[in-house]
């Protein structure tokens, strides 16, 4: 933690500015021009906060920067209102000074606001889990581990999309990349499966979250088994997948139902916590109420945090007012 670089305008310090009561240190202009030359964008109000400038001083600085050829201001309002005249200044990459082209303002101009963090996660937002009626693929193998679900060679990405093509890669394809006809997901009846009925201890092995990513990207929305590895089980809920634990006798019935192929569709009712076979036989499953809520509302860890966005922004505004040098 550091103190402000310049708490105020020291006696005898060089002051410039277009308004007498809003004079700012000459160093502020020098710093701003230097940043405009070396950075694609920078926040003038953030720099002003670091220097301990007031609103009027920051505004005068921005007016003078505009006269210097730096990109004009973009108006915005923060949650706290403390920097209601805060502006983002931007220049094209590679230019010596900013051009006159102005970029569109963001949702909020507070640099660390939760709105910015929400925008960054839009492409990975978890979908809400709704009642599911789909084809179930029978996979009676026990101990299907995460390396079988998505082999380690495909762990080079941190994106949640694109991994579906390599789901169960070593089981779906031979060394030449041709499909293995006998593998269940390669059979015509199960290419559009949304449910997997599996043997005991599904998702064991390493804790890689790429496993539920690959399942979700392929289109799998639920896995039914007698048991799951704990980390995999919890990761499923963070990626919109419903893992259902049922007794062996129930799984055996569902496995046989899944073997009927595309003509047999299972129904999963999240609200009622039931699985219904194509013949109408119903099995109830237990589910933690909090995990159920998250699935229904499409809330992963980031989504849960964003529910508190208003409280977080209020805290940040208070902290900024109390410690403007931070």
C-alpha atoms as a PDB file:
ATOM      1  CA  UNK A   1       0.000   0.000   0.000  1.00  0.00           C
ATOM      2  CA  UNK A   2       1.389   3.402  -0.956  1.00  0.00           C
ATOM      3  CA  UNK A   3       0.446   6.971  -0.125  1.00  0.00           C
ATOM      4  CA  UNK A   4      -0.702   9.388  -2.847  1.00  0.00           C
ATOM      5  CA  UNK A   5       2.103  10.519  -5.115  1.00  0.00           C
ATOM      6  CA  UNK A   6       0.897  14.087  -4.763  1.00  0.00           C
ATOM      7  CA  UNK A   7      -1.751  14.715  -2.052  1.00  0.00           C
ATOM      8  CA  UNK A   8      -2.369  18.251  -3.249  1.00  0.00           C
ATOM      9  CA  UNK A   9      -0.751  21.155  -4.986  1.00  0.00           C
ATOM     10  CA  UNK A  10       2.348  21.961  -2.916  1.00  0.00           C
ATOM     11  CA  UNK A  11       3.232  25.566  -2.213  1.00  0.00           C
ATOM     12  CA  UNK A  12       5.378  26.946  -4.994  1.00  0.00           C
ATOM     13  CA  UNK A  13       4.776  24.009  -7.319  1.00  0.00           C
ATOM     14  CA  UNK A  14       4.216  24.696 -10.994  1.00  0.00           C
ATOM     15  CA  UNK A  15       0.506  24.778 -11.701  1.00  0.00           C
ATOM     16  CA  UNK A  16      -1.254  24.811 -15.047  1.00  0.00           C
ATOM     17  CA  UNK A  17      -4.827  24.510 -16.171  1.00  0.00           C
ATOM     18  CA  UNK A  18      -7.614  26.351 -17.922  1.00  0.00           C
ATOM     19  CA  UNK A  19      -9.497  27.205 -14.745  1.00  0.00           C
ATOM     20  CA  UNK A  20      -7.794  29.066 -11.934  1.00  0.00           C
ATOM     21  CA  UNK A  21      -9.536  27.165  -9.160  1.00  0.00           C
ATOM     22  CA  UNK A  22      -8.816  23.886 -10.877  1.00  0.00           C
ATOM     23  CA  UNK A  23      -5.055  24.227 -11.355  1.00  0.00           C
ATOM     24  CA  UNK A  24      -3.224  20.937 -11.367  1.00  0.00           C
ATOM     25  CA  UNK A  25       0.495  20.082 -11.063  1.00  0.00           C
ATOM     26  CA  UNK A  26       2.411  20.301 -14.324  1.00  0.00           C
ATOM     27  CA  UNK A  27       3.664  16.800 -13.565  1.00  0.00           C
ATOM     28  CA  UNK A  28       0.126  15.495 -14.120  1.00  0.00           C
ATOM     29  CA  UNK A  29       0.132  16.691 -17.735  1.00  0.00           C
ATOM     30  CA  UNK A  30       3.590  15.240 -18.278  1.00  0.00           C
ATOM     31  CA  UNK A  31       2.541  11.865 -16.901  1.00  0.00           C
ATOM     32  CA  UNK A  32      -0.661  11.801 -18.961  1.00  0.00           C
ATOM     33  CA  UNK A  33       1.126  12.625 -22.230  1.00  0.00           C
ATOM     34  CA  UNK A  34       3.764  10.016 -21.471  1.00  0.00           C
ATOM     35  CA  UNK A  35       1.103   7.365 -20.936  1.00  0.00           C
ATOM     36  CA  UNK A  36      -0.683   8.405 -24.147  1.00  0.00           C
ATOM     37  CA  UNK A  37       2.532   7.787 -26.063  1.00  0.00           C
ATOM     38  CA  UNK A  38       3.302   4.389 -24.587  1.00  0.00           C
ATOM     39  CA  UNK A  39      -0.027   2.782 -23.770  1.00  0.00           C
ATOM     40  CA  UNK A  40      -2.993   1.777 -25.897  1.00  0.00           C
ATOM     41  CA  UNK A  41      -5.338   3.163 -23.270  1.00  0.00           C
ATOM     42  CA  UNK A  42      -5.239   4.589 -19.806  1.00  0.00           C
ATOM     43  CA  UNK A  43      -7.696   5.954 -17.285  1.00  0.00           C
ATOM     44  CA  UNK A  44      -7.082   9.616 -16.584  1.00  0.00           C
ATOM     45  CA  UNK A  45      -9.312   9.599 -13.512  1.00  0.00           C
ATOM     46  CA  UNK A  46      -7.360   6.662 -12.096  1.00  0.00           C
ATOM     47  CA  UNK A  47      -4.112   8.561 -12.569  1.00  0.00           C
ATOM     48  CA  UNK A  48      -5.759  11.641 -11.032  1.00  0.00           C
ATOM     49  CA  UNK A  49      -6.753   9.606  -7.998  1.00  0.00           C
ATOM     50  CA  UNK A  50      -3.172   8.422  -7.586  1.00  0.00           C
ATOM     51  CA  UNK A  51      -1.978  12.008  -7.712  1.00  0.00           C
ATOM     52  CA  UNK A  52      -4.589  13.098  -5.199  1.00  0.00           C
ATOM     53  CA  UNK A  53      -6.295  15.485  -7.627  1.00  0.00           C
ATOM     54  CA  UNK A  54      -9.858  16.672  -7.133  1.00  0.00           C
ATOM     55  CA  UNK A  55     -12.720  16.377  -9.597  1.00  0.00           C
ATOM     56  CA  UNK A  56     -12.232  19.903 -10.947  1.00  0.00           C
ATOM     57  CA  UNK A  57      -8.503  19.379 -11.361  1.00  0.00           C
ATOM     58  CA  UNK A  58      -9.016  16.091 -13.199  1.00  0.00           C
ATOM     59  CA  UNK A  59     -11.596  17.676 -15.460  1.00  0.00           C
ATOM     60  CA  UNK A  60      -9.290  20.600 -16.271  1.00  0.00           C
ATOM     61  CA  UNK A  61      -6.510  18.138 -17.062  1.00  0.00           C
ATOM     62  CA  UNK A  62      -8.765  16.272 -19.468  1.00  0.00           C
ATOM     63  CA  UNK A  63      -9.776  19.472 -21.229  1.00  0.00           C
ATOM     64  CA  UNK A  64      -6.129  20.392 -21.728  1.00  0.00           C
ATOM     65  CA  UNK A  65      -5.290  16.881 -22.905  1.00  0.00           C
ATOM     66  CA  UNK A  66      -7.983  17.218 -25.535  1.00  0.00           C
ATOM     67  CA  UNK A  67      -6.286  20.369 -26.783  1.00  0.00           C
ATOM     68  CA  UNK A  68      -3.017  18.434 -26.982  1.00  0.00           C
ATOM     69  CA  UNK A  69      -4.541  15.963 -29.463  1.00  0.00           C
ATOM     70  CA  UNK A  70      -5.245  13.145 -27.047  1.00  0.00           C
ATOM     71  CA  UNK A  71      -8.542  11.367 -27.723  1.00  0.00           C
ATOM     72  CA  UNK A  72     -11.574  13.211 -26.418  1.00  0.00           C
ATOM     73  CA  UNK A  73     -13.348  12.166 -23.235  1.00  0.00           C
ATOM     74  CA  UNK A  74     -15.975   9.470 -22.895  1.00  0.00           C
ATOM     75  CA  UNK A  75     -18.567  10.374 -20.302  1.00  0.00           C
ATOM     76  CA  UNK A  76     -19.516   7.827 -17.644  1.00  0.00           C
ATOM     77  CA  UNK A  77     -20.836   7.556 -14.124  1.00  0.00           C
ATOM     78  CA  UNK A  78     -19.479   5.301 -11.388  1.00  0.00           C
ATOM     79  CA  UNK A  79     -21.572   3.497  -8.795  1.00  0.00           C
ATOM     80  CA  UNK A  80     -20.415   5.775  -6.006  1.00  0.00           C
ATOM     81  CA  UNK A  81     -20.792   8.996  -7.969  1.00  0.00           C
ATOM     82  CA  UNK A  82     -17.482  10.184  -6.520  1.00  0.00           C
ATOM     83  CA  UNK A  83     -15.961  10.302  -9.964  1.00  0.00           C
ATOM     84  CA  UNK A  84     -19.136  11.162 -11.839  1.00  0.00           C
ATOM     85  CA  UNK A  85     -17.073  12.908 -14.530  1.00  0.00           C
ATOM     86  CA  UNK A  86     -14.580  10.059 -14.938  1.00  0.00           C
ATOM     87  CA  UNK A  87     -13.481   9.476 -18.489  1.00  0.00           C
ATOM     88  CA  UNK A  88     -11.598   6.822 -20.430  1.00  0.00           C
ATOM     89  CA  UNK A  89      -9.013   8.037 -22.922  1.00  0.00           C
ATOM     90  CA  UNK A  90      -7.770   5.730 -25.648  1.00  0.00           C
ATOM     91  CA  UNK A  91      -5.406   5.802 -28.592  1.00  0.00           C
ATOM     92  CA  UNK A  92      -4.935   3.304 -31.458  1.00  0.00           C
ATOM     93  CA  UNK A  93      -2.126   0.800 -30.938  1.00  0.00           C
ATOM     94  CA  UNK A  94       1.096   1.924 -32.592  1.00  0.00           C
ATOM     95  CA  UNK A  95       0.280   5.610 -32.840  1.00  0.00           C
ATOM     96  CA  UNK A  96       2.525   8.224 -31.274  1.00  0.00           C
ATOM     97  CA  UNK A  97      -0.357  10.291 -29.979  1.00  0.00           C
ATOM     98  CA  UNK A  98      -4.039   9.565 -29.859  1.00  0.00           C
ATOM     99  CA  UNK A  99      -6.230  10.061 -32.895  1.00  0.00           C
ATOM    100  CA  UNK A 100      -9.636  11.709 -32.817  1.00  0.00           C
ATOM    101  CA  UNK A 101     -11.445   8.373 -32.963  1.00  0.00           C
ATOM    102  CA  UNK A 102     -13.385   7.628 -29.792  1.00  0.00           C
ATOM    103  CA  UNK A 103     -14.211   4.114 -28.656  1.00  0.00           C
ATOM    104  CA  UNK A 104     -17.569   3.218 -27.141  1.00  0.00           C
ATOM    105  CA  UNK A 105     -17.833   3.412 -23.352  1.00  0.00           C
ATOM    106  CA  UNK A 106     -18.047   0.278 -21.281  1.00  0.00           C
ATOM    107  CA  UNK A 107     -20.980  -0.595 -19.033  1.00  0.00           C
ATOM    108  CA  UNK A 108     -19.336   1.266 -16.166  1.00  0.00           C
ATOM    109  CA  UNK A 109     -16.077   3.147 -16.037  1.00  0.00           C
ATOM    110  CA  UNK A 110     -14.932   1.971 -12.644  1.00  0.00           C
ATOM    111  CA  UNK A 111     -11.813  -0.013 -13.619  1.00  0.00           C
ATOM    112  CA  UNK A 112     -12.404  -2.848 -11.168  1.00  0.00           C
ATOM    113  CA  UNK A 113     -16.204  -2.824 -11.216  1.00  0.00           C
ATOM    114  CA  UNK A 114     -18.087  -6.101 -11.174  1.00  0.00           C
ATOM    115  CA  UNK A 115     -19.816  -5.035 -14.387  1.00  0.00           C
ATOM    116  CA  UNK A 116     -16.487  -5.291 -16.216  1.00  0.00           C
ATOM    117  CA  UNK A 117     -15.833  -8.711 -14.751  1.00  0.00           C
ATOM    118  CA  UNK A 118     -19.306  -9.842 -15.776  1.00  0.00           C
ATOM    119  CA  UNK A 119     -18.705  -8.737 -19.382  1.00  0.00           C
ATOM    120  CA  UNK A 120     -15.522 -10.805 -19.475  1.00  0.00           C
ATOM    121  CA  UNK A 121     -17.417 -13.981 -18.603  1.00  0.00           C
ATOM    122  CA  UNK A 122     -20.403 -13.681 -20.945  1.00  0.00           C
ATOM    123  CA  UNK A 123     -19.161 -16.310 -23.379  1.00  0.00           C
ATOM    124  CA  UNK A 124     -18.840 -18.875 -20.596  1.00  0.00           C
ATOM    125  CA  UNK A 125     -22.096 -18.138 -18.815  1.00  0.00           C
ATOM    126  CA  UNK A 126     -23.700 -21.338 -17.544  1.00  0.00           C
ATOM    127  CA  UNK A 127     -27.110 -22.175 -18.962  1.00  0.00           C
ATOM    128  CA  UNK A 128     -30.055 -22.873 -16.710  1.00  0.00           C
ATOM    129  CA  UNK A 129     -30.912 -26.542 -16.334  1.00  0.00           C
ATOM    130  CA  UNK A 130     -34.485 -27.169 -17.381  1.00  0.00           C
ATOM    131  CA  UNK A 131     -36.502 -30.366 -17.466  1.00  0.00           C
ATOM    132  CA  UNK A 132     -34.733 -32.763 -19.796  1.00  0.00           C
ATOM    133  CA  UNK A 133     -36.207 -35.295 -22.201  1.00  0.00           C
ATOM    134  CA  UNK A 134     -33.459 -36.944 -24.179  1.00  0.00           C
ATOM    135  CA  UNK A 135     -31.700 -40.015 -25.474  1.00  0.00           C
ATOM    136  CA  UNK A 136     -29.620 -41.866 -22.896  1.00  0.00           C
ATOM    137  CA  UNK A 137     -26.414 -43.633 -23.912  1.00  0.00           C
ATOM    138  CA  UNK A 138     -25.601 -46.832 -21.969  1.00  0.00           C
ATOM    139  CA  UNK A 139     -21.985 -46.998 -20.721  1.00  0.00           C
ATOM    140  CA  UNK A 140     -21.850 -49.901 -18.261  1.00  0.00           C
ATOM    141  CA  UNK A 141     -18.096 -49.552 -17.650  1.00  0.00           C
ATOM    142  CA  UNK A 142     -16.983 -48.945 -14.052  1.00  0.00           C
ATOM    143  CA  UNK A 143     -14.261 -46.485 -13.034  1.00  0.00           C
ATOM    144  CA  UNK A 144     -14.521 -44.271 -16.117  1.00  0.00           C
ATOM    145  CA  UNK A 145     -11.859 -41.725 -15.189  1.00  0.00           C
ATOM    146  CA  UNK A 146     -11.304 -38.175 -16.363  1.00  0.00           C
ATOM    147  CA  UNK A 147      -8.438 -39.198 -18.660  1.00  0.00           C
ATOM    148  CA  UNK A 148     -10.866 -41.459 -20.510  1.00  0.00           C
ATOM    149  CA  UNK A 149     -13.410 -38.661 -20.672  1.00  0.00           C
ATOM    150  CA  UNK A 150     -10.874 -36.163 -22.074  1.00  0.00           C
ATOM    151  CA  UNK A 151      -7.288 -37.437 -22.579  1.00  0.00           C
ATOM    152  CA  UNK A 152      -4.478 -35.298 -21.193  1.00  0.00           C
ATOM    153  CA  UNK A 153      -3.188 -34.389 -24.655  1.00  0.00           C
ATOM    154  CA  UNK A 154      -6.206 -32.106 -25.053  1.00  0.00           C
ATOM    155  CA  UNK A 155      -5.642 -30.128 -21.860  1.00  0.00           C
ATOM    156  CA  UNK A 156      -3.717 -27.353 -23.585  1.00  0.00           C
ATOM    157  CA  UNK A 157      -6.712 -25.015 -23.655  1.00  0.00           C
ATOM    158  CA  UNK A 158      -8.447 -23.070 -20.912  1.00  0.00           C
ATOM    159  CA  UNK A 159     -11.556 -22.521 -23.033  1.00  0.00           C
ATOM    160  CA  UNK A 160     -14.692 -24.481 -22.216  1.00  0.00           C
ATOM    161  CA  UNK A 161     -15.682 -24.826 -25.853  1.00  0.00           C
ATOM    162  CA  UNK A 162     -14.322 -27.156 -28.530  1.00  0.00           C
ATOM    163  CA  UNK A 163     -13.523 -30.105 -26.289  1.00  0.00           C
ATOM    164  CA  UNK A 164     -16.647 -32.053 -27.250  1.00  0.00           C
ATOM    165  CA  UNK A 165     -14.962 -33.226 -30.440  1.00  0.00           C
ATOM    166  CA  UNK A 166     -12.422 -35.083 -28.291  1.00  0.00           C
ATOM    167  CA  UNK A 167     -14.796 -36.477 -25.671  1.00  0.00           C
ATOM    168  CA  UNK A 168     -13.804 -40.117 -24.983  1.00  0.00           C
ATOM    169  CA  UNK A 169     -11.261 -39.630 -27.791  1.00  0.00           C
ATOM    170  CA  UNK A 170      -9.270 -42.830 -27.216  1.00  0.00           C
ATOM    171  CA  UNK A 171     -12.495 -44.828 -27.045  1.00  0.00           C
ATOM    172  CA  UNK A 172     -14.219 -43.132 -30.001  1.00  0.00           C
ATOM    173  CA  UNK A 173     -11.356 -43.074 -32.510  1.00  0.00           C
ATOM    174  CA  UNK A 174      -8.510 -45.326 -33.615  1.00  0.00           C
ATOM    175  CA  UNK A 175      -4.938 -44.102 -34.078  1.00  0.00           C
ATOM    176  CA  UNK A 176      -5.711 -42.936 -37.614  1.00  0.00           C
ATOM    177  CA  UNK A 177      -8.597 -40.824 -36.379  1.00  0.00           C
ATOM    178  CA  UNK A 178     -11.323 -43.087 -37.715  1.00  0.00           C
ATOM    179  CA  UNK A 179     -14.436 -43.726 -35.648  1.00  0.00           C
ATOM    180  CA  UNK A 180     -14.631 -46.989 -33.763  1.00  0.00           C
ATOM    181  CA  UNK A 181     -18.061 -48.271 -34.778  1.00  0.00           C
ATOM    182  CA  UNK A 182     -18.684 -50.251 -31.605  1.00  0.00           C
ATOM    183  CA  UNK A 183     -18.331 -47.265 -29.275  1.00  0.00           C
ATOM    184  CA  UNK A 184     -21.771 -46.213 -28.110  1.00  0.00           C
ATOM    185  CA  UNK A 185     -21.549 -42.499 -29.028  1.00  0.00           C
ATOM    186  CA  UNK A 186     -20.522 -43.412 -32.582  1.00  0.00           C
ATOM    187  CA  UNK A 187     -23.690 -45.435 -33.129  1.00  0.00           C
ATOM    188  CA  UNK A 188     -26.426 -43.582 -35.046  1.00  0.00           C
ATOM    189  CA  UNK A 189     -28.943 -44.054 -32.240  1.00  0.00           C
ATOM    190  CA  UNK A 190     -26.741 -42.279 -29.688  1.00  0.00           C
ATOM    191  CA  UNK A 191     -24.997 -39.489 -31.597  1.00  0.00           C
ATOM    192  CA  UNK A 192     -27.406 -36.979 -30.111  1.00  0.00           C
ATOM    193  CA  UNK A 193     -27.425 -38.430 -26.605  1.00  0.00           C
ATOM    194  CA  UNK A 194     -27.892 -35.929 -23.782  1.00  0.00           C
ATOM    195  CA  UNK A 195     -27.770 -38.428 -20.930  1.00  0.00           C
ATOM    196  CA  UNK A 196     -25.208 -41.067 -19.987  1.00  0.00           C
ATOM    197  CA  UNK A 197     -26.090 -44.040 -17.817  1.00  0.00           C
ATOM    198  CA  UNK A 198     -22.762 -45.264 -16.480  1.00  0.00           C
ATOM    199  CA  UNK A 199     -21.178 -47.816 -14.190  1.00  0.00           C
ATOM    200  CA  UNK A 200     -19.902 -47.169 -10.693  1.00  0.00           C
ATOM    201  CA  UNK A 201     -17.347 -44.473  -9.757  1.00  0.00           C
ATOM    202  CA  UNK A 202     -17.774 -42.220 -12.788  1.00  0.00           C
ATOM    203  CA  UNK A 203     -15.295 -39.320 -13.128  1.00  0.00           C
ATOM    204  CA  UNK A 204     -12.551 -40.744 -10.926  1.00  0.00           C
ATOM    205  CA  UNK A 205      -8.857 -40.016 -11.474  1.00  0.00           C
ATOM    206  CA  UNK A 206      -7.433 -36.519 -11.840  1.00  0.00           C
ATOM    207  CA  UNK A 207      -9.488 -33.492 -10.883  1.00  0.00           C
ATOM    208  CA  UNK A 208      -9.387 -31.832 -14.321  1.00  0.00           C
ATOM    209  CA  UNK A 209     -12.395 -29.617 -14.971  1.00  0.00           C
ATOM    210  CA  UNK A 210     -11.904 -30.222 -18.686  1.00  0.00           C
ATOM    211  CA  UNK A 211     -13.885 -33.450 -18.200  1.00  0.00           C
ATOM    212  CA  UNK A 212     -17.246 -31.765 -17.536  1.00  0.00           C
ATOM    213  CA  UNK A 213     -16.304 -29.109 -20.106  1.00  0.00           C
ATOM    214  CA  UNK A 214     -15.980 -31.821 -22.762  1.00  0.00           C
ATOM    215  CA  UNK A 215     -19.219 -33.517 -21.717  1.00  0.00           C
ATOM    216  CA  UNK A 216     -21.147 -30.242 -21.784  1.00  0.00           C
ATOM    217  CA  UNK A 217     -19.651 -29.190 -25.130  1.00  0.00           C
ATOM    218  CA  UNK A 218     -20.668 -32.547 -26.655  1.00  0.00           C
ATOM    219  CA  UNK A 219     -24.212 -31.997 -25.410  1.00  0.00           C
ATOM    220  CA  UNK A 220     -24.355 -34.221 -22.331  1.00  0.00           C
ATOM    221  CA  UNK A 221     -26.597 -32.609 -19.715  1.00  0.00           C
ATOM    222  CA  UNK A 222     -26.851 -35.406 -17.162  1.00  0.00           C
ATOM    223  CA  UNK A 223     -24.902 -38.475 -16.046  1.00  0.00           C
ATOM    224  CA  UNK A 224     -26.519 -41.226 -13.992  1.00  0.00           C
ATOM    225  CA  UNK A 225     -24.433 -43.615 -11.901  1.00  0.00           C
ATOM    226  CA  UNK A 226     -24.304 -45.334  -8.528  1.00  0.00           C
ATOM    227  CA  UNK A 227     -21.419 -43.057  -7.477  1.00  0.00           C
ATOM    228  CA  UNK A 228     -19.145 -40.257  -8.671  1.00  0.00           C
ATOM    229  CA  UNK A 229     -15.700 -39.004  -7.723  1.00  0.00           C
ATOM    230  CA  UNK A 230     -16.256 -36.021  -5.403  1.00  0.00           C
ATOM    231  CA  UNK A 231     -14.338 -33.386  -7.388  1.00  0.00           C
ATOM    232  CA  UNK A 232     -15.903 -34.401 -10.687  1.00  0.00           C
ATOM    233  CA  UNK A 233     -19.348 -34.431  -9.061  1.00  0.00           C
ATOM    234  CA  UNK A 234     -18.948 -30.860  -7.798  1.00  0.00           C
ATOM    235  CA  UNK A 235     -17.443 -29.675 -11.089  1.00  0.00           C
ATOM    236  CA  UNK A 236     -20.530 -30.895 -12.932  1.00  0.00           C
ATOM    237  CA  UNK A 237     -22.762 -28.452 -11.067  1.00  0.00           C
ATOM    238  CA  UNK A 238     -20.417 -25.605 -11.993  1.00  0.00           C
ATOM    239  CA  UNK A 239     -20.842 -26.440 -15.679  1.00  0.00           C
ATOM    240  CA  UNK A 240     -24.564 -27.062 -16.003  1.00  0.00           C
ATOM    241  CA  UNK A 241     -24.441 -30.864 -15.797  1.00  0.00           C
ATOM    242  CA  UNK A 242     -26.710 -32.797 -13.433  1.00  0.00           C
ATOM    243  CA  UNK A 243     -24.999 -35.874 -11.922  1.00  0.00           C
ATOM    244  CA  UNK A 244     -27.613 -38.247 -10.503  1.00  0.00           C
ATOM    245  CA  UNK A 245     -26.793 -40.884  -7.910  1.00  0.00           C
ATOM    246  CA  UNK A 246     -29.161 -43.860  -7.752  1.00  0.00           C
ATOM    247  CA  UNK A 247     -29.017 -47.360  -6.238  1.00  0.00           C
ATOM    248  CA  UNK A 248     -27.599 -50.161  -8.375  1.00  0.00           C
ATOM    249  CA  UNK A 249     -31.027 -51.703  -8.957  1.00  0.00           C
ATOM    250  CA  UNK A 250     -32.350 -48.410 -10.362  1.00  0.00           C
ATOM    251  CA  UNK A 251     -29.289 -47.899 -12.550  1.00  0.00           C
ATOM    252  CA  UNK A 252     -29.712 -51.429 -13.928  1.00  0.00           C
ATOM    253  CA  UNK A 253     -33.277 -50.610 -15.002  1.00  0.00           C
ATOM    254  CA  UNK A 254     -32.188 -47.341 -16.586  1.00  0.00           C
ATOM    255  CA  UNK A 255     -29.273 -49.052 -18.333  1.00  0.00           C
ATOM    256  CA  UNK A 256     -31.636 -51.525 -19.983  1.00  0.00           C
ATOM    257  CA  UNK A 257     -33.952 -48.693 -20.970  1.00  0.00           C
ATOM    258  CA  UNK A 258     -31.026 -46.805 -22.514  1.00  0.00           C
ATOM    259  CA  UNK A 259     -30.099 -49.873 -24.560  1.00  0.00           C
ATOM    260  CA  UNK A 260     -33.378 -49.511 -26.471  1.00  0.00           C
ATOM    261  CA  UNK A 261     -31.804 -46.737 -28.531  1.00  0.00           C
ATOM    262  CA  UNK A 262     -33.176 -43.502 -29.940  1.00  0.00           C
ATOM    263  CA  UNK A 263     -36.809 -44.585 -29.632  1.00  0.00           C
ATOM    264  CA  UNK A 264     -36.536 -44.656 -25.835  1.00  0.00           C
ATOM    265  CA  UNK A 265     -36.286 -41.196 -24.268  1.00  0.00           C
ATOM    266  CA  UNK A 266     -35.734 -40.612 -20.580  1.00  0.00           C
ATOM    267  CA  UNK A 267     -37.264 -37.696 -18.727  1.00  0.00           C
ATOM    268  CA  UNK A 268     -35.438 -35.885 -15.936  1.00  0.00           C
ATOM    269  CA  UNK A 269     -37.417 -33.481 -13.771  1.00  0.00           C
ATOM    270  CA  UNK A 270     -35.033 -31.376 -11.708  1.00  0.00           C
ATOM    271  CA  UNK A 271     -37.751 -29.724  -9.644  1.00  0.00           C
ATOM    272  CA  UNK A 272     -39.386 -33.049  -8.706  1.00  0.00           C
ATOM    273  CA  UNK A 273     -35.986 -34.805  -8.599  1.00  0.00           C
ATOM    274  CA  UNK A 274     -37.158 -37.764 -10.657  1.00  0.00           C
ATOM    275  CA  UNK A 275     -35.965 -39.844 -13.604  1.00  0.00           C
ATOM    276  CA  UNK A 276     -38.644 -41.497 -15.722  1.00  0.00           C
ATOM    277  CA  UNK A 277     -37.942 -44.331 -18.158  1.00  0.00           C
ATOM    278  CA  UNK A 278     -39.516 -44.623 -21.593  1.00  0.00           C
ATOM    279  CA  UNK A 279     -41.942 -47.119 -20.028  1.00  0.00           C
ATOM    280  CA  UNK A 280     -43.037 -44.664 -17.355  1.00  0.00           C
ATOM    281  CA  UNK A 281     -41.141 -46.142 -14.414  1.00  0.00           C
ATOM    282  CA  UNK A 282     -40.123 -43.362 -12.019  1.00  0.00           C
ATOM    283  CA  UNK A 283     -37.040 -43.158  -9.793  1.00  0.00           C
ATOM    284  CA  UNK A 284     -36.461 -40.392  -7.255  1.00  0.00           C
ATOM    285  CA  UNK A 285     -32.986 -39.042  -6.484  1.00  0.00           C
ATOM    286  CA  UNK A 286     -31.544 -36.929  -3.685  1.00  0.00           C
ATOM    287  CA  UNK A 287     -29.951 -33.561  -4.377  1.00  0.00           C
ATOM    288  CA  UNK A 288     -28.483 -30.803  -2.240  1.00  0.00           C
ATOM    289  CA  UNK A 289     -30.862 -27.832  -2.267  1.00  0.00           C
ATOM    290  CA  UNK A 290     -28.093 -25.297  -2.919  1.00  0.00           C
ATOM    291  CA  UNK A 291     -26.720 -27.239  -5.895  1.00  0.00           C
ATOM    292  CA  UNK A 292     -30.255 -27.597  -7.205  1.00  0.00           C
ATOM    293  CA  UNK A 293     -30.773 -23.841  -6.953  1.00  0.00           C
ATOM    294  CA  UNK A 294     -27.539 -23.150  -8.842  1.00  0.00           C
ATOM    295  CA  UNK A 295     -28.497 -25.495 -11.682  1.00  0.00           C
ATOM    296  CA  UNK A 296     -32.005 -24.075 -11.988  1.00  0.00           C
ATOM    297  CA  UNK A 297     -30.723 -20.508 -12.084  1.00  0.00           C
ATOM    298  CA  UNK A 298     -27.625 -21.211 -14.197  1.00  0.00           C
ATOM    299  CA  UNK A 299     -25.222 -20.044 -11.504  1.00  0.00           C
ATOM    300  CA  UNK A 300     -21.596 -21.126 -11.442  1.00  0.00           C
ATOM    301  CA  UNK A 301     -19.105 -19.643  -8.962  1.00  0.00           C
ATOM    302  CA  UNK A 302     -18.794 -16.461 -11.016  1.00  0.00           C
ATOM    303  CA  UNK A 303     -22.553 -16.192 -11.371  1.00  0.00           C
ATOM    304  CA  UNK A 304     -22.977 -16.532  -7.615  1.00  0.00           C
ATOM    305  CA  UNK A 305     -20.456 -13.746  -7.100  1.00  0.00           C
ATOM    306  CA  UNK A 306     -22.224 -11.513  -9.610  1.00  0.00           C
ATOM    307  CA  UNK A 307     -25.440 -11.838  -7.600  1.00  0.00           C
ATOM    308  CA  UNK A 308     -23.622  -9.722  -5.009  1.00  0.00           C
ATOM    309  CA  UNK A 309     -22.457  -7.163  -7.600  1.00  0.00           C
ATOM    310  CA  UNK A 310     -24.300  -4.268  -5.993  1.00  0.00           C
ATOM    311  CA  UNK A 311     -22.877  -5.011  -2.544  1.00  0.00           C
ATOM    312  CA  UNK A 312     -19.388  -5.443  -3.993  1.00  0.00           C
ATOM    313  CA  UNK A 313     -19.548  -2.138  -5.860  1.00  0.00           C
ATOM    314  CA  UNK A 314     -20.836  -0.399  -2.735  1.00  0.00           C
ATOM    315  CA  UNK A 315     -17.917  -1.783  -0.748  1.00  0.00           C
ATOM    316  CA  UNK A 316     -15.406  -0.782  -3.440  1.00  0.00           C
ATOM    317  CA  UNK A 317     -16.852   2.725  -3.571  1.00  0.00           C
ATOM    318  CA  UNK A 318     -16.607   3.062   0.219  1.00  0.00           C
ATOM    319  CA  UNK A 319     -13.079   1.678   0.243  1.00  0.00           C
ATOM    320  CA  UNK A 320     -12.053   4.048  -2.553  1.00  0.00           C
ATOM    321  CA  UNK A 321     -13.491   7.035  -0.711  1.00  0.00           C
ATOM    322  CA  UNK A 322     -11.766   6.028   2.505  1.00  0.00           C
ATOM    323  CA  UNK A 323      -8.428   5.222   0.839  1.00  0.00           C
ATOM    324  CA  UNK A 324      -8.252   7.065  -2.508  1.00  0.00           C
ATOM    325  CA  UNK A 325      -4.541   6.351  -2.842  1.00  0.00           C
ATOM    326  CA  UNK A 326      -5.086   2.573  -3.178  1.00  0.00           C
END
